[in-house]
């Protein structure tokens, strides 16, 4: 579980809400440790810990094909 990590280009630290396999990669839904659900969640690639997408709710981790191209 990822907790309190820095994401390039983002402020504060971020912690994992959920992860899953998607097209050969592990994607992780992250929440800002300071602002929690008052700000957008982001998706990162677990291997690189770089942001893939932002501005999503929990549905993105359940149905990534509906959101990611």
PDB file of N, CA and C in Angstrom:
ATOM      1  N   UNK A   1       0.853  -1.180   0.000  1.00  0.00           N
ATOM      2  CA  UNK A   1       0.000   0.000   0.000  1.00  0.00           C
ATOM      3  C   UNK A   1       0.891   1.234   0.000  1.00  0.00           C
ATOM      4  N   UNK A   2       0.577   2.176  -0.877  1.00  0.00           N
ATOM      5  CA  UNK A   2       1.340   3.421  -0.965  1.00  0.00           C
ATOM      6  C   UNK A   2       0.721   4.467  -0.046  1.00  0.00           C
ATOM      7  N   UNK A   3       1.505   5.017   0.833  1.00  0.00           N
ATOM      8  CA  UNK A   3       1.026   6.048   1.748  1.00  0.00           C
ATOM      9  C   UNK A   3       2.046   7.162   1.856  1.00  0.00           C
ATOM     10  N   UNK A   4       1.550   8.399   1.777  1.00  0.00           N
ATOM     11  CA  UNK A   4       2.406   9.562   1.978  1.00  0.00           C
ATOM     12  C   UNK A   4       3.492   9.754   0.939  1.00  0.00           C
ATOM     13  N   UNK A   5       3.193   9.444  -0.333  1.00  0.00           N
ATOM     14  CA  UNK A   5       4.213   9.621  -1.370  1.00  0.00           C
ATOM     15  C   UNK A   5       4.010  10.937  -2.113  1.00  0.00           C
ATOM     16  N   UNK A   6       5.094  11.452  -2.669  1.00  0.00           N
ATOM     17  CA  UNK A   6       5.054  12.651  -3.495  1.00  0.00           C
ATOM     18  C   UNK A   6       4.834  12.223  -4.943  1.00  0.00           C
ATOM     19  N   UNK A   7       3.993  12.953  -5.648  1.00  0.00           N
ATOM     20  CA  UNK A   7       3.719  12.724  -7.065  1.00  0.00           C
ATOM     21  C   UNK A   7       4.263  13.928  -7.829  1.00  0.00           C
ATOM     22  N   UNK A   8       5.084  13.653  -8.840  1.00  0.00           N
ATOM     23  CA  UNK A   8       5.677  14.724  -9.626  1.00  0.00           C
ATOM     24  C   UNK A   8       4.601  15.657 -10.171  1.00  0.00           C
ATOM     25  N   UNK A   9       4.787  16.953  -9.954  1.00  0.00           N
ATOM     26  CA  UNK A   9       3.851  17.957 -10.448  1.00  0.00           C
ATOM     27  C   UNK A   9       2.664  18.200  -9.539  1.00  0.00           C
ATOM     28  N   UNK A  10       2.606  17.528  -8.402  1.00  0.00           N
ATOM     29  CA  UNK A  10       1.494  17.659  -7.456  1.00  0.00           C
ATOM     30  C   UNK A  10       2.001  18.160  -6.108  1.00  0.00           C
ATOM     31  N   UNK A  11       1.131  18.863  -5.393  1.00  0.00           N
ATOM     32  CA  UNK A  11       1.488  19.342  -4.063  1.00  0.00           C
ATOM     33  C   UNK A  11       1.044  18.335  -3.013  1.00  0.00           C
ATOM     34  N   UNK A  12       1.584  18.462  -1.828  1.00  0.00           N
ATOM     35  CA  UNK A  12       1.262  17.598  -0.690  1.00  0.00           C
ATOM     36  C   UNK A  12       1.661  16.151  -0.980  1.00  0.00           C
ATOM     37  N   UNK A  13       1.254  15.257  -0.115  1.00  0.00           N
ATOM     38  CA  UNK A  13       1.514  13.839  -0.314  1.00  0.00           C
ATOM     39  C   UNK A  13       0.202  13.140  -0.644  1.00  0.00           C
ATOM     40  N   UNK A  14       0.337  11.931  -1.183  1.00  0.00           N
ATOM     41  CA  UNK A  14      -0.816  11.180  -1.669  1.00  0.00           C
ATOM     42  C   UNK A  14      -0.782   9.762  -1.118  1.00  0.00           C
ATOM     43  N   UNK A  15      -1.959   9.183  -0.917  1.00  0.00           N
ATOM     44  CA  UNK A  15      -2.054   7.814  -0.415  1.00  0.00           C
ATOM     45  C   UNK A  15      -3.034   6.996  -1.256  1.00  0.00           C
ATOM     46  N   UNK A  16      -2.755   5.709  -1.303  1.00  0.00           N
ATOM     47  CA  UNK A  16      -3.531   4.776  -2.124  1.00  0.00           C
ATOM     48  C   UNK A  16      -4.925   4.521  -1.557  1.00  0.00           C
ATOM     49  N   UNK A  17      -5.895   4.558  -2.458  1.00  0.00           N
ATOM     50  CA  UNK A  17      -7.257   4.145  -2.113  1.00  0.00           C
ATOM     51  C   UNK A  17      -7.533   2.733  -2.603  1.00  0.00           C
ATOM     52  N   UNK A  18      -7.072   2.438  -3.818  1.00  0.00           N
ATOM     53  CA  UNK A  18      -7.350   1.141  -4.442  1.00  0.00           C
ATOM     54  C   UNK A  18      -6.383   0.946  -5.601  1.00  0.00           C
ATOM     55  N   UNK A  19      -6.131  -0.313  -5.943  1.00  0.00           N
ATOM     56  CA  UNK A  19      -5.299  -0.623  -7.121  1.00  0.00           C
ATOM     57  C   UNK A  19      -5.896  -1.793  -7.880  1.00  0.00           C
ATOM     58  N   UNK A  20      -5.532  -1.868  -9.167  1.00  0.00           N
ATOM     59  CA  UNK A  20      -5.964  -3.004  -9.989  1.00  0.00           C
ATOM     60  C   UNK A  20      -5.081  -3.119 -11.210  1.00  0.00           C
ATOM     61  N   UNK A  21      -5.121  -4.280 -11.831  1.00  0.00           N
ATOM     62  CA  UNK A  21      -4.402  -4.522 -13.076  1.00  0.00           C
ATOM     63  C   UNK A  21      -5.233  -3.987 -14.231  1.00  0.00           C
ATOM     64  N   UNK A  22      -4.554  -3.326 -15.169  1.00  0.00           N
ATOM     65  CA  UNK A  22      -5.233  -2.771 -16.330  1.00  0.00           C
ATOM     66  C   UNK A  22      -4.264  -2.757 -17.508  1.00  0.00           C
ATOM     67  N   UNK A  23      -4.564  -3.557 -18.514  1.00  0.00           N
ATOM     68  CA  UNK A  23      -3.758  -3.643 -19.737  1.00  0.00           C
ATOM     69  C   UNK A  23      -2.271  -3.836 -19.433  1.00  0.00           C
ATOM     70  N   UNK A  24      -1.979  -4.770 -18.553  1.00  0.00           N
ATOM     71  CA  UNK A  24      -0.596  -5.113 -18.244  1.00  0.00           C
ATOM     72  C   UNK A  24       0.102  -4.197 -17.253  1.00  0.00           C
ATOM     73  N   UNK A  25      -0.591  -3.214 -16.723  1.00  0.00           N
ATOM     74  CA  UNK A  25      -0.015  -2.298 -15.744  1.00  0.00           C
ATOM     75  C   UNK A  25      -0.846  -2.342 -14.476  1.00  0.00           C
ATOM     76  N   UNK A  26      -0.222  -1.962 -13.381  1.00  0.00           N
ATOM     77  CA  UNK A  26      -0.977  -1.788 -12.147  1.00  0.00           C
ATOM     78  C   UNK A  26      -1.280  -0.304 -12.011  1.00  0.00           C
ATOM     79  N   UNK A  27      -2.577   0.030 -11.973  1.00  0.00           N
ATOM     80  CA  UNK A  27      -2.983   1.417 -11.785  1.00  0.00           C
ATOM     81  C   UNK A  27      -3.459   1.589 -10.347  1.00  0.00           C
ATOM     82  N   UNK A  28      -3.182   2.767  -9.810  1.00  0.00           N
ATOM     83  CA  UNK A  28      -3.493   3.031  -8.413  1.00  0.00           C
ATOM     84  C   UNK A  28      -4.285   4.331  -8.308  1.00  0.00           C
ATOM     85  N   UNK A  29      -5.425   4.278  -7.649  1.00  0.00           N
ATOM     86  CA  UNK A  29      -6.236   5.459  -7.383  1.00  0.00           C
ATOM     87  C   UNK A  29      -5.693   6.104  -6.107  1.00  0.00           C
ATOM     88  N   UNK A  30      -5.320   7.387  -6.198  1.00  0.00           N
ATOM     89  CA  UNK A  30      -4.661   8.082  -5.091  1.00  0.00           C
ATOM     90  C   UNK A  30      -5.502   9.264  -4.608  1.00  0.00           C
ATOM     91  N   UNK A  31      -5.418   9.511  -3.300  1.00  0.00           N
ATOM     92  CA  UNK A  31      -6.122  10.630  -2.675  1.00  0.00           C
ATOM     93  C   UNK A  31      -5.100  11.543  -1.999  1.00  0.00           C
ATOM     94  N   UNK A  32      -5.327  12.848  -2.122  1.00  0.00           N
ATOM     95  CA  UNK A  32      -4.455  13.843  -1.495  1.00  0.00           C
ATOM     96  C   UNK A  32      -4.585  13.731   0.028  1.00  0.00           C
ATOM     97  N   UNK A  33      -3.445  13.608   0.715  1.00  0.00           N
ATOM     98  CA  UNK A  33      -3.469  13.422   2.168  1.00  0.00           C
ATOM     99  C   UNK A  33      -3.991  14.642   2.920  1.00  0.00           C
ATOM    100  N   UNK A  34      -3.792  15.808   2.375  1.00  0.00           N
ATOM    101  CA  UNK A  34      -4.247  17.018   3.062  1.00  0.00           C
ATOM    102  C   UNK A  34      -5.723  17.294   2.809  1.00  0.00           C
ATOM    103  N   UNK A  35      -6.151  17.164   1.568  1.00  0.00           N
ATOM    104  CA  UNK A  35      -7.502  17.581   1.172  1.00  0.00           C
ATOM    105  C   UNK A  35      -8.498  16.441   1.054  1.00  0.00           C
ATOM    106  N   UNK A  36      -8.032  15.208   1.070  1.00  0.00           N
ATOM    107  CA  UNK A  36      -8.945  14.056   1.033  1.00  0.00           C
ATOM    108  C   UNK A  36      -9.888  14.100  -0.150  1.00  0.00           C
ATOM    109  N   UNK A  37     -11.166  13.836   0.102  1.00  0.00           N
ATOM    110  CA  UNK A  37     -12.140  13.798  -0.995  1.00  0.00           C
ATOM    111  C   UNK A  37     -12.660  15.177  -1.379  1.00  0.00           C
ATOM    112  N   UNK A  38     -12.067  16.223  -0.815  1.00  0.00           N
ATOM    113  CA  UNK A  38     -12.437  17.587  -1.216  1.00  0.00           C
ATOM    114  C   UNK A  38     -11.713  18.024  -2.482  1.00  0.00           C
ATOM    115  N   UNK A  39     -10.792  17.214  -2.967  1.00  0.00           N
ATOM    116  CA  UNK A  39     -10.092  17.500  -4.206  1.00  0.00           C
ATOM    117  C   UNK A  39     -10.144  16.265  -5.098  1.00  0.00           C
ATOM    118  N   UNK A  40      -9.772  16.439  -6.370  1.00  0.00           N
ATOM    119  CA  UNK A  40      -9.816  15.330  -7.316  1.00  0.00           C
ATOM    120  C   UNK A  40      -8.844  14.232  -6.948  1.00  0.00           C
ATOM    121  N   UNK A  41      -9.267  12.993  -7.170  1.00  0.00           N
ATOM    122  CA  UNK A  41      -8.368  11.864  -7.053  1.00  0.00           C
ATOM    123  C   UNK A  41      -7.581  11.748  -8.351  1.00  0.00           C
ATOM    124  N   UNK A  42      -6.443  11.078  -8.294  1.00  0.00           N
ATOM    125  CA  UNK A  42      -5.637  10.864  -9.489  1.00  0.00           C
ATOM    126  C   UNK A  42      -5.322   9.385  -9.630  1.00  0.00           C
ATOM    127  N   UNK A  43      -5.014   8.987 -10.852  1.00  0.00           N
ATOM    128  CA  UNK A  43      -4.545   7.631 -11.133  1.00  0.00           C
ATOM    129  C   UNK A  43      -3.064   7.701 -11.434  1.00  0.00           C
ATOM    130  N   UNK A  44      -2.311   6.748 -10.891  1.00  0.00           N
ATOM    131  CA  UNK A  44      -0.896   6.657 -11.236  1.00  0.00           C
ATOM    132  C   UNK A  44      -0.584   5.248 -11.718  1.00  0.00           C
ATOM    133  N   UNK A  45       0.492   5.149 -12.472  1.00  0.00           N
ATOM    134  CA  UNK A  45       1.059   3.861 -12.855  1.00  0.00           C
ATOM    135  C   UNK A  45       1.957   3.440 -11.691  1.00  0.00           C
ATOM    136  N   UNK A  46       1.726   2.269 -11.123  1.00  0.00           N
ATOM    137  CA  UNK A  46       2.473   1.832  -9.945  1.00  0.00           C
ATOM    138  C   UNK A  46       3.973   1.747 -10.212  1.00  0.00           C
ATOM    139  N   UNK A  47       4.364   1.252 -11.373  1.00  0.00           N
ATOM    140  CA  UNK A  47       5.776   1.073 -11.680  1.00  0.00           C
ATOM    141  C   UNK A  47       6.532   2.396 -11.722  1.00  0.00           C
ATOM    142  N   UNK A  48       5.988   3.371 -12.421  1.00  0.00           N
ATOM    143  CA  UNK A  48       6.688   4.654 -12.577  1.00  0.00           C
ATOM    144  C   UNK A  48       6.278   5.681 -11.525  1.00  0.00           C
ATOM    145  N   UNK A  49       5.157   5.447 -10.870  1.00  0.00           N
ATOM    146  CA  UNK A  49       4.544   6.376  -9.922  1.00  0.00           C
ATOM    147  C   UNK A  49       4.317   7.755 -10.562  1.00  0.00           C
ATOM    148  N   UNK A  50       3.988   7.719 -11.844  1.00  0.00           N
ATOM    149  CA  UNK A  50       3.628   8.937 -12.574  1.00  0.00           C
ATOM    150  C   UNK A  50       2.128   8.968 -12.801  1.00  0.00           C
ATOM    151  N   UNK A  51       1.610  10.176 -12.830  1.00  0.00           N
ATOM    152  CA  UNK A  51       0.175  10.373 -13.014  1.00  0.00           C
ATOM    153  C   UNK A  51      -0.264   9.950 -14.407  1.00  0.00           C
ATOM    154  N   UNK A  52      -1.355   9.203 -14.480  1.00  0.00           N
ATOM    155  CA  UNK A  52      -1.959   8.793 -15.744  1.00  0.00           C
ATOM    156  C   UNK A  52      -3.136   9.699 -16.068  1.00  0.00           C
ATOM    157  N   UNK A  53      -3.955   9.976 -15.072  1.00  0.00           N
ATOM    158  CA  UNK A  53      -5.174  10.756 -15.276  1.00  0.00           C
ATOM    159  C   UNK A  53      -5.593  11.374 -13.949  1.00  0.00           C
ATOM    160  N   UNK A  54      -6.457  12.396 -14.034  1.00  0.00           N
ATOM    161  CA  UNK A  54      -6.945  13.020 -12.806  1.00  0.00           C
ATOM    162  C   UNK A  54      -8.386  13.459 -12.974  1.00  0.00           C
ATOM    163  N   UNK A  55      -9.001  13.828 -11.853  1.00  0.00           N
ATOM    164  CA  UNK A  55     -10.356  14.360 -11.885  1.00  0.00           C
ATOM    165  C   UNK A  55     -11.451  13.320 -11.853  1.00  0.00           C
ATOM    166  N   UNK A  56     -11.129  12.104 -11.463  1.00  0.00           N
ATOM    167  CA  UNK A  56     -12.109  11.030 -11.484  1.00  0.00           C
ATOM    168  C   UNK A  56     -12.623  10.684 -10.097  1.00  0.00           C
ATOM    169  N   UNK A  57     -13.733   9.936 -10.091  1.00  0.00           N
ATOM    170  CA  UNK A  57     -14.254   9.402  -8.841  1.00  0.00           C
ATOM    171  C   UNK A  57     -13.934   7.910  -8.786  1.00  0.00           C
ATOM    172  N   UNK A  58     -14.492   7.226  -7.821  1.00  0.00           N
ATOM    173  CA  UNK A  58     -14.168   5.820  -7.588  1.00  0.00           C
ATOM    174  C   UNK A  58     -14.507   4.918  -8.773  1.00  0.00           C
ATOM    175  N   UNK A  59     -15.458   5.295  -9.606  1.00  0.00           N
ATOM    176  CA  UNK A  59     -15.841   4.464 -10.759  1.00  0.00           C
ATOM    177  C   UNK A  59     -14.686   4.201 -11.709  1.00  0.00           C
ATOM    178  N   UNK A  60     -13.713   5.091 -11.768  1.00  0.00           N
ATOM    179  CA  UNK A  60     -12.602   4.911 -12.702  1.00  0.00           C
ATOM    180  C   UNK A  60     -11.799   3.657 -12.373  1.00  0.00           C
ATOM    181  N   UNK A  61     -11.655   3.313 -11.119  1.00  0.00           N
ATOM    182  CA  UNK A  61     -10.892   2.115 -10.757  1.00  0.00           C
ATOM    183  C   UNK A  61     -11.717   0.848 -11.004  1.00  0.00           C
ATOM    184  N   UNK A  62     -13.043   0.969 -10.939  1.00  0.00           N
ATOM    185  CA  UNK A  62     -13.912  -0.190 -11.188  1.00  0.00           C
ATOM    186  C   UNK A  62     -14.077  -0.483 -12.666  1.00  0.00           C
ATOM    187  N   UNK A  63     -14.126   0.580 -13.485  1.00  0.00           N
ATOM    188  CA  UNK A  63     -14.364   0.456 -14.932  1.00  0.00           C
ATOM    189  C   UNK A  63     -13.405   1.336 -15.725  1.00  0.00           C
ATOM    190  N   UNK A  64     -12.107   1.071 -15.682  1.00  0.00           N
ATOM    191  CA  UNK A  64     -11.163   1.962 -16.347  1.00  0.00           C
ATOM    192  C   UNK A  64     -11.370   2.101 -17.849  1.00  0.00           C
ATOM    193  N   UNK A  65     -11.905   1.087 -18.514  1.00  0.00           N
ATOM    194  CA  UNK A  65     -12.145   1.178 -19.962  1.00  0.00           C
ATOM    195  C   UNK A  65     -13.132   2.286 -20.305  1.00  0.00           C
ATOM    196  N   UNK A  66     -14.016   2.618 -19.384  1.00  0.00           N
ATOM    197  CA  UNK A  66     -14.987   3.683 -19.616  1.00  0.00           C
ATOM    198  C   UNK A  66     -14.345   5.066 -19.558  1.00  0.00           C
ATOM    199  N   UNK A  67     -13.142   5.169 -18.986  1.00  0.00           N
ATOM    200  CA  UNK A  67     -12.515   6.468 -18.750  1.00  0.00           C
ATOM    201  C   UNK A  67     -11.166   6.639 -19.457  1.00  0.00           C
ATOM    202  N   UNK A  68     -10.405   5.562 -19.561  1.00  0.00           N
ATOM    203  CA  UNK A  68      -9.053   5.651 -20.124  1.00  0.00           C
ATOM    204  C   UNK A  68      -9.047   5.127 -21.545  1.00  0.00           C
ATOM    205  N   UNK A  69      -8.325   5.789 -22.382  1.00  0.00           N
ATOM    206  CA  UNK A  69      -8.218   5.358 -23.796  1.00  0.00           C
ATOM    207  C   UNK A  69      -6.797   5.006 -24.111  1.00  0.00           C
TER     208      UNK A  69
END
